């Protein structure tokens, strides 16, 4: 499925704007602050139901009380996302798909989407939370139930932290939250490990396709706990570290504290890879996202590239171009010449 056209009303910087989208490569050209990233964000909201960078309330133009996204698809369907401030000041989001209304986006109706944006270039060098979020965001599209597990886990950690800050010790209430945290945490880690195994089977080969030379690349899950019998090990850790957690006021163990690290050979990429190698690796990860989602969901993802073409050198631009031809792609740029020259076939240019 592809998106054929898009209308934005009171969305971010747009009061009312419409765009026709081609089934191949679409290049959105405009100066900084013209609304290019807002357009990509709206496509993501229409695809999976939420933004990658903001809360729902921030999506509405600050001169309005409502916003709306309408998208027609290649299957002659219409999907609409409505955002409305209710009388109590709460932002209400609803979805309409082929004239049926939903409070939540049905998992089967979500359109897989892969985003490559400037912040992704910091993935290897940044703090563990960015890497956890990267893989968990992918899992939400890969496994429909993961979004609920992730949301519930965050709430359980918040509830347990609230008890810790009250100095609660050894109560049945705290033990109950421990059990819930362990149950959800074990599911999350199992799903992360399964995804990492899937990616590891192909990542080195994809890197070779992009870079033109071999590299032994592995993604490793790093935790203070042994991942075999993770739930049992986590429960023991929560109980043995209770006093320390109370003193700190937060839960110091669990999936929210683990890390996911990329290795070049026997060394972490952060320590052993050049800047060019890291960018090739990130490009390989995005290509892997496309393949993993397409295989699992039996639907070709939409690829969104937010001003990253200029961050790649000629060889990597060419490699990326070779992978784009089979996917609907929306690329933003301030300089169309940098992008258009890489596409001998017809591309659709949108000027803002």
C-alpha atoms as a PDB file:
ATOM      1  CA  UNK A   1       0.000   0.000   0.000  1.00  0.00           C
ATOM      2  CA  UNK A   2       1.166   3.526  -0.794  1.00  0.00           C
ATOM      3  CA  UNK A   3      -0.205   6.975   0.036  1.00  0.00           C
ATOM      4  CA  UNK A   4      -1.482   8.829  -3.029  1.00  0.00           C
ATOM      5  CA  UNK A   5      -2.335  12.196  -1.502  1.00  0.00           C
ATOM      6  CA  UNK A   6      -2.284  13.976   1.825  1.00  0.00           C
ATOM      7  CA  UNK A   7      -4.238  16.916   3.249  1.00  0.00           C
ATOM      8  CA  UNK A   8      -3.228  18.728   6.446  1.00  0.00           C
ATOM      9  CA  UNK A   9      -5.551  21.094   8.300  1.00  0.00           C
ATOM     10  CA  UNK A  10      -4.334  23.086  11.313  1.00  0.00           C
ATOM     11  CA  UNK A  11      -1.444  20.670  11.625  1.00  0.00           C
ATOM     12  CA  UNK A  12       1.720  22.278  12.997  1.00  0.00           C
ATOM     13  CA  UNK A  13       2.726  25.038  10.536  1.00  0.00           C
ATOM     14  CA  UNK A  14       0.001  24.139   8.013  1.00  0.00           C
ATOM     15  CA  UNK A  15      -3.421  25.791   8.074  1.00  0.00           C
ATOM     16  CA  UNK A  16      -4.717  23.911   5.020  1.00  0.00           C
ATOM     17  CA  UNK A  17      -2.384  22.232   2.540  1.00  0.00           C
ATOM     18  CA  UNK A  18      -2.631  19.300   0.125  1.00  0.00           C
ATOM     19  CA  UNK A  19       0.088  17.178  -1.455  1.00  0.00           C
ATOM     20  CA  UNK A  20       0.054  14.578  -4.238  1.00  0.00           C
ATOM     21  CA  UNK A  21       2.463  11.703  -3.605  1.00  0.00           C
ATOM     22  CA  UNK A  22       4.022   9.390  -6.161  1.00  0.00           C
ATOM     23  CA  UNK A  23       4.395   5.667  -5.543  1.00  0.00           C
ATOM     24  CA  UNK A  24       8.188   5.926  -5.902  1.00  0.00           C
ATOM     25  CA  UNK A  25      10.577   8.641  -4.760  1.00  0.00           C
ATOM     26  CA  UNK A  26       9.108  11.965  -3.609  1.00  0.00           C
ATOM     27  CA  UNK A  27      11.486  14.861  -2.951  1.00  0.00           C
ATOM     28  CA  UNK A  28      10.228  17.660  -0.681  1.00  0.00           C
ATOM     29  CA  UNK A  29      12.265  20.805  -1.267  1.00  0.00           C
ATOM     30  CA  UNK A  30      12.207  23.962   0.804  1.00  0.00           C
ATOM     31  CA  UNK A  31      14.253  26.248   3.052  1.00  0.00           C
ATOM     32  CA  UNK A  32      14.701  25.604   6.738  1.00  0.00           C
ATOM     33  CA  UNK A  33      11.505  26.123   8.791  1.00  0.00           C
ATOM     34  CA  UNK A  34       9.328  25.643   5.690  1.00  0.00           C
ATOM     35  CA  UNK A  35       7.527  22.657   7.245  1.00  0.00           C
ATOM     36  CA  UNK A  36       9.387  19.759   5.608  1.00  0.00           C
ATOM     37  CA  UNK A  37       9.801  17.777   8.827  1.00  0.00           C
ATOM     38  CA  UNK A  38       6.187  18.530   9.810  1.00  0.00           C
ATOM     39  CA  UNK A  39       5.089  16.925   6.543  1.00  0.00           C
ATOM     40  CA  UNK A  40       7.100  13.759   7.243  1.00  0.00           C
ATOM     41  CA  UNK A  41       5.772  13.664  10.788  1.00  0.00           C
ATOM     42  CA  UNK A  42       2.187  13.867   9.522  1.00  0.00           C
ATOM     43  CA  UNK A  43       2.799  10.895   7.227  1.00  0.00           C
ATOM     44  CA  UNK A  44       4.088   8.939  10.205  1.00  0.00           C
ATOM     45  CA  UNK A  45       1.056   9.889  12.316  1.00  0.00           C
ATOM     46  CA  UNK A  46      -1.219   8.748   9.492  1.00  0.00           C
ATOM     47  CA  UNK A  47       0.793   5.516   9.216  1.00  0.00           C
ATOM     48  CA  UNK A  48       1.181   4.341  12.811  1.00  0.00           C
ATOM     49  CA  UNK A  49      -0.950   6.754  14.829  1.00  0.00           C
ATOM     50  CA  UNK A  50       1.655   8.799  16.670  1.00  0.00           C
ATOM     51  CA  UNK A  51       4.513  11.244  16.231  1.00  0.00           C
ATOM     52  CA  UNK A  52       8.148  10.319  16.752  1.00  0.00           C
ATOM     53  CA  UNK A  53       8.998  13.656  18.362  1.00  0.00           C
ATOM     54  CA  UNK A  54       6.021  15.245  20.124  1.00  0.00           C
ATOM     55  CA  UNK A  55       2.869  14.752  22.180  1.00  0.00           C
ATOM     56  CA  UNK A  56      -0.523  14.958  20.501  1.00  0.00           C
ATOM     57  CA  UNK A  57      -1.235  18.443  21.863  1.00  0.00           C
ATOM     58  CA  UNK A  58       1.854  19.805  20.107  1.00  0.00           C
ATOM     59  CA  UNK A  59       0.628  18.658  16.709  1.00  0.00           C
ATOM     60  CA  UNK A  60      -2.216  21.181  16.592  1.00  0.00           C
ATOM     61  CA  UNK A  61      -1.509  24.611  15.173  1.00  0.00           C
ATOM     62  CA  UNK A  62      -1.398  26.899  18.210  1.00  0.00           C
ATOM     63  CA  UNK A  63      -4.050  29.171  16.674  1.00  0.00           C
ATOM     64  CA  UNK A  64      -6.605  26.353  16.547  1.00  0.00           C
ATOM     65  CA  UNK A  65      -8.382  23.856  18.793  1.00  0.00           C
ATOM     66  CA  UNK A  66      -8.273  21.008  16.286  1.00  0.00           C
ATOM     67  CA  UNK A  67      -6.183  19.416  13.545  1.00  0.00           C
ATOM     68  CA  UNK A  68      -6.870  16.851  10.875  1.00  0.00           C
ATOM     69  CA  UNK A  69      -4.853  14.591   8.557  1.00  0.00           C
ATOM     70  CA  UNK A  70      -6.530  12.944   5.553  1.00  0.00           C
ATOM     71  CA  UNK A  71      -4.718  10.362   3.444  1.00  0.00           C
ATOM     72  CA  UNK A  72      -5.921   8.418   0.415  1.00  0.00           C
ATOM     73  CA  UNK A  73      -4.203   5.125  -0.306  1.00  0.00           C
ATOM     74  CA  UNK A  74      -3.458   3.108  -3.426  1.00  0.00           C
ATOM     75  CA  UNK A  75      -6.161   0.694  -2.293  1.00  0.00           C
ATOM     76  CA  UNK A  76      -8.738   3.483  -2.735  1.00  0.00           C
ATOM     77  CA  UNK A  77      -9.114   3.773   0.999  1.00  0.00           C
ATOM     78  CA  UNK A  78      -9.297   6.888   3.165  1.00  0.00           C
ATOM     79  CA  UNK A  79      -7.698   7.208   6.579  1.00  0.00           C
ATOM     80  CA  UNK A  80      -8.213  10.240   8.780  1.00  0.00           C
ATOM     81  CA  UNK A  81      -6.586  11.307  12.030  1.00  0.00           C
ATOM     82  CA  UNK A  82      -8.496  13.903  14.068  1.00  0.00           C
ATOM     83  CA  UNK A  83      -7.132  15.849  17.020  1.00  0.00           C
ATOM     84  CA  UNK A  84      -9.613  17.880  19.053  1.00  0.00           C
ATOM     85  CA  UNK A  85      -9.414  19.797  22.324  1.00  0.00           C
ATOM     86  CA  UNK A  86     -12.418  18.799  24.447  1.00  0.00           C
ATOM     87  CA  UNK A  87     -14.162  21.256  26.854  1.00  0.00           C
ATOM     88  CA  UNK A  88     -11.863  20.113  29.690  1.00  0.00           C
ATOM     89  CA  UNK A  89      -8.787  21.033  27.652  1.00  0.00           C
ATOM     90  CA  UNK A  90      -7.787  17.438  26.988  1.00  0.00           C
ATOM     91  CA  UNK A  91      -6.548  16.511  23.534  1.00  0.00           C
ATOM     92  CA  UNK A  92      -8.674  13.714  22.033  1.00  0.00           C
ATOM     93  CA  UNK A  93      -7.367  11.718  19.093  1.00  0.00           C
ATOM     94  CA  UNK A  94      -9.574   9.554  16.890  1.00  0.00           C
ATOM     95  CA  UNK A  95      -8.978   7.549  13.731  1.00  0.00           C
ATOM     96  CA  UNK A  96     -11.318   6.962  10.827  1.00  0.00           C
ATOM     97  CA  UNK A  97     -10.535   4.202   8.345  1.00  0.00           C
ATOM     98  CA  UNK A  98     -12.957   3.693   5.469  1.00  0.00           C
ATOM     99  CA  UNK A  99     -15.698   5.484   7.446  1.00  0.00           C
ATOM    100  CA  UNK A 100     -15.186   3.408  10.619  1.00  0.00           C
ATOM    101  CA  UNK A 101     -14.112   5.294  13.747  1.00  0.00           C
ATOM    102  CA  UNK A 102     -11.549   4.027  16.282  1.00  0.00           C
ATOM    103  CA  UNK A 103     -10.133   5.459  19.495  1.00  0.00           C
ATOM    104  CA  UNK A 104      -6.895   3.554  18.867  1.00  0.00           C
ATOM    105  CA  UNK A 105      -5.254   2.705  15.591  1.00  0.00           C
ATOM    106  CA  UNK A 106      -6.027  -0.998  14.950  1.00  0.00           C
ATOM    107  CA  UNK A 107      -2.668  -2.833  14.718  1.00  0.00           C
ATOM    108  CA  UNK A 108      -3.714  -4.526  11.478  1.00  0.00           C
ATOM    109  CA  UNK A 109      -4.397  -1.125   9.899  1.00  0.00           C
ATOM    110  CA  UNK A 110      -1.024   0.414  10.697  1.00  0.00           C
ATOM    111  CA  UNK A 111       1.194   1.098   7.711  1.00  0.00           C
ATOM    112  CA  UNK A 112       4.833   0.179   8.457  1.00  0.00           C
ATOM    113  CA  UNK A 113       7.142   3.155   8.138  1.00  0.00           C
ATOM    114  CA  UNK A 114      10.914   3.597   8.436  1.00  0.00           C
ATOM    115  CA  UNK A 115      12.302   6.994   9.410  1.00  0.00           C
ATOM    116  CA  UNK A 116      15.913   8.100   8.914  1.00  0.00           C
ATOM    117  CA  UNK A 117      16.494  11.489  10.526  1.00  0.00           C
ATOM    118  CA  UNK A 118      19.541  13.449  11.724  1.00  0.00           C
ATOM    119  CA  UNK A 119      19.253  12.268  15.344  1.00  0.00           C
ATOM    120  CA  UNK A 120      19.773   8.688  14.132  1.00  0.00           C
ATOM    121  CA  UNK A 121      23.343   9.637  13.236  1.00  0.00           C
ATOM    122  CA  UNK A 122      23.993   9.878  16.986  1.00  0.00           C
ATOM    123  CA  UNK A 123      22.602   6.408  17.705  1.00  0.00           C
ATOM    124  CA  UNK A 124      25.963   4.706  18.297  1.00  0.00           C
ATOM    125  CA  UNK A 125      27.533   7.580  20.210  1.00  0.00           C
ATOM    126  CA  UNK A 126      24.584   8.590  22.372  1.00  0.00           C
ATOM    127  CA  UNK A 127      23.254   7.322  25.699  1.00  0.00           C
ATOM    128  CA  UNK A 128      21.675   3.838  26.029  1.00  0.00           C
ATOM    129  CA  UNK A 129      18.121   5.242  26.172  1.00  0.00           C
ATOM    130  CA  UNK A 130      18.346   6.328  22.536  1.00  0.00           C
ATOM    131  CA  UNK A 131      19.348   2.817  21.456  1.00  0.00           C
ATOM    132  CA  UNK A 132      16.636   1.197  23.589  1.00  0.00           C
ATOM    133  CA  UNK A 133      14.027   3.501  22.080  1.00  0.00           C
ATOM    134  CA  UNK A 134      15.293   2.805  18.567  1.00  0.00           C
ATOM    135  CA  UNK A 135      14.855  -0.961  18.918  1.00  0.00           C
ATOM    136  CA  UNK A 136      11.626  -0.689  20.917  1.00  0.00           C
ATOM    137  CA  UNK A 137      10.093   1.628  18.302  1.00  0.00           C
ATOM    138  CA  UNK A 138      10.955  -0.965  15.666  1.00  0.00           C
ATOM    139  CA  UNK A 139       9.447  -3.717  17.811  1.00  0.00           C
ATOM    140  CA  UNK A 140       6.176  -1.783  18.078  1.00  0.00           C
ATOM    141  CA  UNK A 141       5.801  -2.088  14.312  1.00  0.00           C
ATOM    142  CA  UNK A 142       7.262  -5.598  14.144  1.00  0.00           C
ATOM    143  CA  UNK A 143       5.120  -7.139  16.905  1.00  0.00           C
ATOM    144  CA  UNK A 144       1.659  -5.538  17.351  1.00  0.00           C
ATOM    145  CA  UNK A 145       1.427  -6.530  21.042  1.00  0.00           C
ATOM    146  CA  UNK A 146       4.762  -4.932  21.952  1.00  0.00           C
ATOM    147  CA  UNK A 147       3.361  -1.405  22.155  1.00  0.00           C
ATOM    148  CA  UNK A 148       1.015  -2.487  24.951  1.00  0.00           C
ATOM    149  CA  UNK A 149       3.767  -4.375  26.810  1.00  0.00           C
ATOM    150  CA  UNK A 150       6.034  -1.344  26.579  1.00  0.00           C
ATOM    151  CA  UNK A 151       3.353   1.066  27.792  1.00  0.00           C
ATOM    152  CA  UNK A 152       2.365  -1.167  30.708  1.00  0.00           C
ATOM    153  CA  UNK A 153       5.997  -1.662  31.705  1.00  0.00           C
ATOM    154  CA  UNK A 154       6.601   2.100  31.849  1.00  0.00           C
ATOM    155  CA  UNK A 155       3.551   2.531  34.094  1.00  0.00           C
ATOM    156  CA  UNK A 156       4.694  -0.263  36.427  1.00  0.00           C
ATOM    157  CA  UNK A 157       8.160   1.276  36.763  1.00  0.00           C
ATOM    158  CA  UNK A 158       6.563   4.652  37.534  1.00  0.00           C
ATOM    159  CA  UNK A 159       4.301   3.085  40.198  1.00  0.00           C
ATOM    160  CA  UNK A 160       7.195   1.214  41.796  1.00  0.00           C
ATOM    161  CA  UNK A 161       9.328   4.372  41.779  1.00  0.00           C
ATOM    162  CA  UNK A 162       6.527   6.258  43.537  1.00  0.00           C
ATOM    163  CA  UNK A 163       6.516   3.647  46.321  1.00  0.00           C
ATOM    164  CA  UNK A 164      10.304   3.758  46.582  1.00  0.00           C
ATOM    165  CA  UNK A 165      10.221   7.523  47.060  1.00  0.00           C
ATOM    166  CA  UNK A 166       7.791   6.985  49.930  1.00  0.00           C
ATOM    167  CA  UNK A 167      10.377   4.732  51.580  1.00  0.00           C
ATOM    168  CA  UNK A 168       8.113   1.664  51.494  1.00  0.00           C
ATOM    169  CA  UNK A 169       9.963  -1.484  52.588  1.00  0.00           C
ATOM    170  CA  UNK A 170       9.043  -5.148  52.421  1.00  0.00           C
ATOM    171  CA  UNK A 171       5.318  -4.661  51.869  1.00  0.00           C
ATOM    172  CA  UNK A 172       3.029  -6.888  49.854  1.00  0.00           C
ATOM    173  CA  UNK A 173       2.237  -3.835  47.729  1.00  0.00           C
ATOM    174  CA  UNK A 174       5.859  -3.431  46.658  1.00  0.00           C
ATOM    175  CA  UNK A 175       6.188  -7.185  46.059  1.00  0.00           C
ATOM    176  CA  UNK A 176       3.131  -7.113  43.802  1.00  0.00           C
ATOM    177  CA  UNK A 177       4.684  -4.385  41.670  1.00  0.00           C
ATOM    178  CA  UNK A 178       7.926  -6.389  41.572  1.00  0.00           C
ATOM    179  CA  UNK A 179       6.083  -9.386  40.139  1.00  0.00           C
ATOM    180  CA  UNK A 180       4.311  -7.297  37.531  1.00  0.00           C
ATOM    181  CA  UNK A 181       7.540  -5.584  36.533  1.00  0.00           C
ATOM    182  CA  UNK A 182       9.307  -8.949  36.230  1.00  0.00           C
ATOM    183  CA  UNK A 183       6.547 -10.438  34.075  1.00  0.00           C
ATOM    184  CA  UNK A 184       6.484  -7.534  31.625  1.00  0.00           C
ATOM    185  CA  UNK A 185      10.252  -7.073  31.725  1.00  0.00           C
ATOM    186  CA  UNK A 186      10.896 -10.679  30.785  1.00  0.00           C
ATOM    187  CA  UNK A 187       8.575 -10.397  27.769  1.00  0.00           C
ATOM    188  CA  UNK A 188      10.284  -7.214  26.604  1.00  0.00           C
ATOM    189  CA  UNK A 189      13.768  -8.708  26.854  1.00  0.00           C
ATOM    190  CA  UNK A 190      12.737 -11.882  25.019  1.00  0.00           C
ATOM    191  CA  UNK A 191      11.327  -9.811  22.165  1.00  0.00           C
ATOM    192  CA  UNK A 192      14.398  -7.575  22.033  1.00  0.00           C
ATOM    193  CA  UNK A 193      16.690 -10.617  21.911  1.00  0.00           C
ATOM    194  CA  UNK A 194      14.641 -12.240  19.143  1.00  0.00           C
ATOM    195  CA  UNK A 195      14.794  -9.073  17.044  1.00  0.00           C
ATOM    196  CA  UNK A 196      18.547  -8.742  17.593  1.00  0.00           C
ATOM    197  CA  UNK A 197      19.046 -12.337  16.462  1.00  0.00           C
ATOM    198  CA  UNK A 198      17.032 -11.650  13.293  1.00  0.00           C
ATOM    199  CA  UNK A 199      19.081  -8.550  12.505  1.00  0.00           C
ATOM    200  CA  UNK A 200      22.418 -10.256  13.215  1.00  0.00           C
ATOM    201  CA  UNK A 201      21.702 -12.891  10.580  1.00  0.00           C
ATOM    202  CA  UNK A 202      21.861 -10.277   7.813  1.00  0.00           C
ATOM    203  CA  UNK A 203      23.511  -7.075   9.074  1.00  0.00           C
ATOM    204  CA  UNK A 204      27.087  -7.949   8.064  1.00  0.00           C
ATOM    205  CA  UNK A 205      25.947  -8.863   4.540  1.00  0.00           C
ATOM    206  CA  UNK A 206      23.986  -5.629   4.157  1.00  0.00           C
ATOM    207  CA  UNK A 207      26.957  -3.635   5.420  1.00  0.00           C
ATOM    208  CA  UNK A 208      29.100  -5.327   2.771  1.00  0.00           C
ATOM    209  CA  UNK A 209      26.555  -4.413   0.071  1.00  0.00           C
ATOM    210  CA  UNK A 210      26.688  -0.759   1.118  1.00  0.00           C
ATOM    211  CA  UNK A 211      30.400  -0.422   1.917  1.00  0.00           C
ATOM    212  CA  UNK A 212      31.797  -2.790  -0.706  1.00  0.00           C
ATOM    213  CA  UNK A 213      33.909  -4.721   1.780  1.00  0.00           C
ATOM    214  CA  UNK A 214      33.371  -7.271   4.539  1.00  0.00           C
ATOM    215  CA  UNK A 215      32.970  -6.424   8.198  1.00  0.00           C
ATOM    216  CA  UNK A 216      32.012  -8.722  11.042  1.00  0.00           C
ATOM    217  CA  UNK A 217      29.206  -6.841  12.783  1.00  0.00           C
ATOM    218  CA  UNK A 218      27.181  -8.059  15.737  1.00  0.00           C
ATOM    219  CA  UNK A 219      24.572  -6.426  17.931  1.00  0.00           C
ATOM    220  CA  UNK A 220      24.808  -7.514  21.541  1.00  0.00           C
ATOM    221  CA  UNK A 221      22.340  -7.116  24.381  1.00  0.00           C
ATOM    222  CA  UNK A 222      24.130  -5.859  27.475  1.00  0.00           C
ATOM    223  CA  UNK A 223      22.551  -6.101  30.903  1.00  0.00           C
ATOM    224  CA  UNK A 224      23.663  -6.302  34.500  1.00  0.00           C
ATOM    225  CA  UNK A 225      21.572  -9.492  34.619  1.00  0.00           C
ATOM    226  CA  UNK A 226      22.092 -12.802  32.859  1.00  0.00           C
ATOM    227  CA  UNK A 227      19.471 -12.903  30.121  1.00  0.00           C
ATOM    228  CA  UNK A 228      18.840 -16.650  30.533  1.00  0.00           C
ATOM    229  CA  UNK A 229      15.973 -16.849  33.070  1.00  0.00           C
ATOM    230  CA  UNK A 230      15.863 -13.053  32.978  1.00  0.00           C
ATOM    231  CA  UNK A 231      12.638 -12.857  34.993  1.00  0.00           C
ATOM    232  CA  UNK A 232      13.981 -14.931  37.893  1.00  0.00           C
ATOM    233  CA  UNK A 233      17.246 -12.991  37.919  1.00  0.00           C
ATOM    234  CA  UNK A 234      15.418  -9.667  37.837  1.00  0.00           C
ATOM    235  CA  UNK A 235      13.170 -10.570  40.775  1.00  0.00           C
ATOM    236  CA  UNK A 236      16.191 -11.529  42.865  1.00  0.00           C
ATOM    237  CA  UNK A 237      17.897  -8.292  41.937  1.00  0.00           C
ATOM    238  CA  UNK A 238      14.864  -6.162  42.801  1.00  0.00           C
ATOM    239  CA  UNK A 239      14.612  -7.785  46.220  1.00  0.00           C
ATOM    240  CA  UNK A 240      18.343  -7.638  47.005  1.00  0.00           C
ATOM    241  CA  UNK A 241      18.618  -4.014  45.835  1.00  0.00           C
ATOM    242  CA  UNK A 242      15.507  -2.743  47.590  1.00  0.00           C
ATOM    243  CA  UNK A 243      17.330  -0.545  50.102  1.00  0.00           C
ATOM    244  CA  UNK A 244      19.543   0.924  47.387  1.00  0.00           C
ATOM    245  CA  UNK A 245      16.530   1.616  45.188  1.00  0.00           C
ATOM    246  CA  UNK A 246      14.778   3.361  48.083  1.00  0.00           C
ATOM    247  CA  UNK A 247      17.850   5.500  48.734  1.00  0.00           C
ATOM    248  CA  UNK A 248      18.020   6.472  45.063  1.00  0.00           C
ATOM    249  CA  UNK A 249      14.280   6.795  44.603  1.00  0.00           C
ATOM    250  CA  UNK A 250      14.154   4.784  41.381  1.00  0.00           C
ATOM    251  CA  UNK A 251      14.302   1.228  40.061  1.00  0.00           C
ATOM    252  CA  UNK A 252      17.895   0.489  39.131  1.00  0.00           C
ATOM    253  CA  UNK A 253      17.424  -2.814  37.299  1.00  0.00           C
ATOM    254  CA  UNK A 254      15.290  -3.993  34.407  1.00  0.00           C
ATOM    255  CA  UNK A 255      14.931  -3.560  30.638  1.00  0.00           C
ATOM    256  CA  UNK A 256      14.796   0.223  31.097  1.00  0.00           C
ATOM    257  CA  UNK A 257      18.424   0.117  32.308  1.00  0.00           C
ATOM    258  CA  UNK A 258      19.856  -2.306  29.745  1.00  0.00           C
ATOM    259  CA  UNK A 259      21.835  -1.379  26.642  1.00  0.00           C
ATOM    260  CA  UNK A 260      22.084  -2.612  23.044  1.00  0.00           C
ATOM    261  CA  UNK A 261      25.587  -2.255  21.612  1.00  0.00           C
ATOM    262  CA  UNK A 262      26.932  -2.703  18.092  1.00  0.00           C
ATOM    263  CA  UNK A 263      30.296  -4.443  17.777  1.00  0.00           C
ATOM    264  CA  UNK A 264      32.804  -4.307  14.927  1.00  0.00           C
ATOM    265  CA  UNK A 265      34.675  -7.549  15.452  1.00  0.00           C
ATOM    266  CA  UNK A 266      35.495  -7.806  19.155  1.00  0.00           C
ATOM    267  CA  UNK A 267      35.257  -4.079  19.875  1.00  0.00           C
ATOM    268  CA  UNK A 268      32.258  -1.785  20.323  1.00  0.00           C
ATOM    269  CA  UNK A 269      31.718   0.285  17.173  1.00  0.00           C
ATOM    270  CA  UNK A 270      31.953   3.458  19.264  1.00  0.00           C
ATOM    271  CA  UNK A 271      35.591   2.628  20.056  1.00  0.00           C
ATOM    272  CA  UNK A 272      36.751   1.018  16.831  1.00  0.00           C
ATOM    273  CA  UNK A 273      34.705   2.406  13.903  1.00  0.00           C
ATOM    274  CA  UNK A 274      35.465   5.511  11.885  1.00  0.00           C
ATOM    275  CA  UNK A 275      32.823   8.179  11.298  1.00  0.00           C
ATOM    276  CA  UNK A 276      32.287   6.852   7.769  1.00  0.00           C
ATOM    277  CA  UNK A 277      31.897   3.288   9.022  1.00  0.00           C
ATOM    278  CA  UNK A 278      29.318   4.370  11.589  1.00  0.00           C
ATOM    279  CA  UNK A 279      27.272   6.149   8.911  1.00  0.00           C
ATOM    280  CA  UNK A 280      27.456   3.059   6.709  1.00  0.00           C
ATOM    281  CA  UNK A 281      26.328   0.975   9.674  1.00  0.00           C
ATOM    282  CA  UNK A 282      23.346   3.256  10.333  1.00  0.00           C
ATOM    283  CA  UNK A 283      22.388   3.128   6.668  1.00  0.00           C
ATOM    284  CA  UNK A 284      22.575  -0.672   6.892  1.00  0.00           C
ATOM    285  CA  UNK A 285      20.301  -0.653   9.941  1.00  0.00           C
ATOM    286  CA  UNK A 286      17.683   1.379   8.065  1.00  0.00           C
ATOM    287  CA  UNK A 287      17.806  -1.022   5.135  1.00  0.00           C
ATOM    288  CA  UNK A 288      17.440  -3.853   7.642  1.00  0.00           C
ATOM    289  CA  UNK A 289      14.346  -2.151   9.099  1.00  0.00           C
ATOM    290  CA  UNK A 290      12.771  -2.104   5.645  1.00  0.00           C
ATOM    291  CA  UNK A 291      13.463  -5.789   5.095  1.00  0.00           C
ATOM    292  CA  UNK A 292      12.450  -6.958   8.560  1.00  0.00           C
ATOM    293  CA  UNK A 293       9.146  -5.065   8.503  1.00  0.00           C
ATOM    294  CA  UNK A 294       8.308  -6.096   4.962  1.00  0.00           C
ATOM    295  CA  UNK A 295       8.914  -9.772   5.724  1.00  0.00           C
ATOM    296  CA  UNK A 296       7.039  -9.772   9.029  1.00  0.00           C
ATOM    297  CA  UNK A 297       4.090  -7.580   8.014  1.00  0.00           C
ATOM    298  CA  UNK A 298       3.848  -8.637   4.338  1.00  0.00           C
ATOM    299  CA  UNK A 299       3.538  -4.937   3.468  1.00  0.00           C
ATOM    300  CA  UNK A 300       6.214  -2.694   2.022  1.00  0.00           C
ATOM    301  CA  UNK A 301       7.070   0.093   4.465  1.00  0.00           C
ATOM    302  CA  UNK A 302       7.095   3.749   3.530  1.00  0.00           C
ATOM    303  CA  UNK A 303      10.579   5.238   3.870  1.00  0.00           C
ATOM    304  CA  UNK A 304      10.993   8.764   5.265  1.00  0.00           C
ATOM    305  CA  UNK A 305      14.365  10.510   4.942  1.00  0.00           C
ATOM    306  CA  UNK A 306      14.552  13.805   6.802  1.00  0.00           C
ATOM    307  CA  UNK A 307      17.445  15.857   5.406  1.00  0.00           C
ATOM    308  CA  UNK A 308      20.007  13.054   5.747  1.00  0.00           C
ATOM    309  CA  UNK A 309      20.985  12.749   2.075  1.00  0.00           C
ATOM    310  CA  UNK A 310      23.383  15.665   2.495  1.00  0.00           C
ATOM    311  CA  UNK A 311      24.985  13.885   5.460  1.00  0.00           C
ATOM    312  CA  UNK A 312      26.102  10.966   3.269  1.00  0.00           C
ATOM    313  CA  UNK A 313      28.975  10.917   0.796  1.00  0.00           C
ATOM    314  CA  UNK A 314      28.572   9.975  -2.861  1.00  0.00           C
ATOM    315  CA  UNK A 315      29.120   6.235  -2.425  1.00  0.00           C
ATOM    316  CA  UNK A 316      26.613   5.958   0.401  1.00  0.00           C
ATOM    317  CA  UNK A 317      24.064   8.074  -1.465  1.00  0.00           C
ATOM    318  CA  UNK A 318      24.394   5.712  -4.421  1.00  0.00           C
ATOM    319  CA  UNK A 319      24.020   2.657  -2.185  1.00  0.00           C
ATOM    320  CA  UNK A 320      20.922   4.122  -0.552  1.00  0.00           C
ATOM    321  CA  UNK A 321      19.447   4.983  -3.954  1.00  0.00           C
ATOM    322  CA  UNK A 322      19.754   1.365  -5.051  1.00  0.00           C
ATOM    323  CA  UNK A 323      17.639   0.257  -2.102  1.00  0.00           C
ATOM    324  CA  UNK A 324      14.978   2.973  -2.524  1.00  0.00           C
ATOM    325  CA  UNK A 325      13.629   1.873  -5.879  1.00  0.00           C
ATOM    326  CA  UNK A 326      11.204  -0.701  -4.460  1.00  0.00           C
ATOM    327  CA  UNK A 327       9.676   1.535  -1.774  1.00  0.00           C
ATOM    328  CA  UNK A 328       7.548   4.660  -1.610  1.00  0.00           C
ATOM    329  CA  UNK A 329      10.029   7.199  -0.284  1.00  0.00           C
ATOM    330  CA  UNK A 330       9.681  10.791   0.877  1.00  0.00           C
ATOM    331  CA  UNK A 331      12.954  12.718   1.081  1.00  0.00           C
ATOM    332  CA  UNK A 332      13.275  16.242   2.475  1.00  0.00           C
ATOM    333  CA  UNK A 333      16.097  18.539   1.453  1.00  0.00           C
ATOM    334  CA  UNK A 334      17.034  22.197   1.181  1.00  0.00           C
ATOM    335  CA  UNK A 335      18.896  21.490  -2.073  1.00  0.00           C
ATOM    336  CA  UNK A 336      17.050  19.448  -4.689  1.00  0.00           C
ATOM    337  CA  UNK A 337      20.148  19.063  -6.860  1.00  0.00           C
ATOM    338  CA  UNK A 338      21.855  16.931  -4.205  1.00  0.00           C
ATOM    339  CA  UNK A 339      19.027  14.417  -4.347  1.00  0.00           C
ATOM    340  CA  UNK A 340      17.519  14.552  -7.851  1.00  0.00           C
ATOM    341  CA  UNK A 341      20.795  13.727  -9.621  1.00  0.00           C
ATOM    342  CA  UNK A 342      20.770  10.244  -8.044  1.00  0.00           C
ATOM    343  CA  UNK A 343      17.464   9.250  -9.637  1.00  0.00           C
ATOM    344  CA  UNK A 344      17.552   8.471 -13.342  1.00  0.00           C
ATOM    345  CA  UNK A 345      13.923   7.360 -13.147  1.00  0.00           C
ATOM    346  CA  UNK A 346      11.124   9.830 -12.631  1.00  0.00           C
ATOM    347  CA  UNK A 347      10.763  11.309  -9.154  1.00  0.00           C
ATOM    348  CA  UNK A 348       8.018  13.521  -7.791  1.00  0.00           C
ATOM    349  CA  UNK A 349       9.242  16.923  -6.557  1.00  0.00           C
ATOM    350  CA  UNK A 350       7.190  18.916  -4.029  1.00  0.00           C
ATOM    351  CA  UNK A 351       8.279  22.508  -3.480  1.00  0.00           C
ATOM    352  CA  UNK A 352       7.381  24.219  -0.205  1.00  0.00           C
END
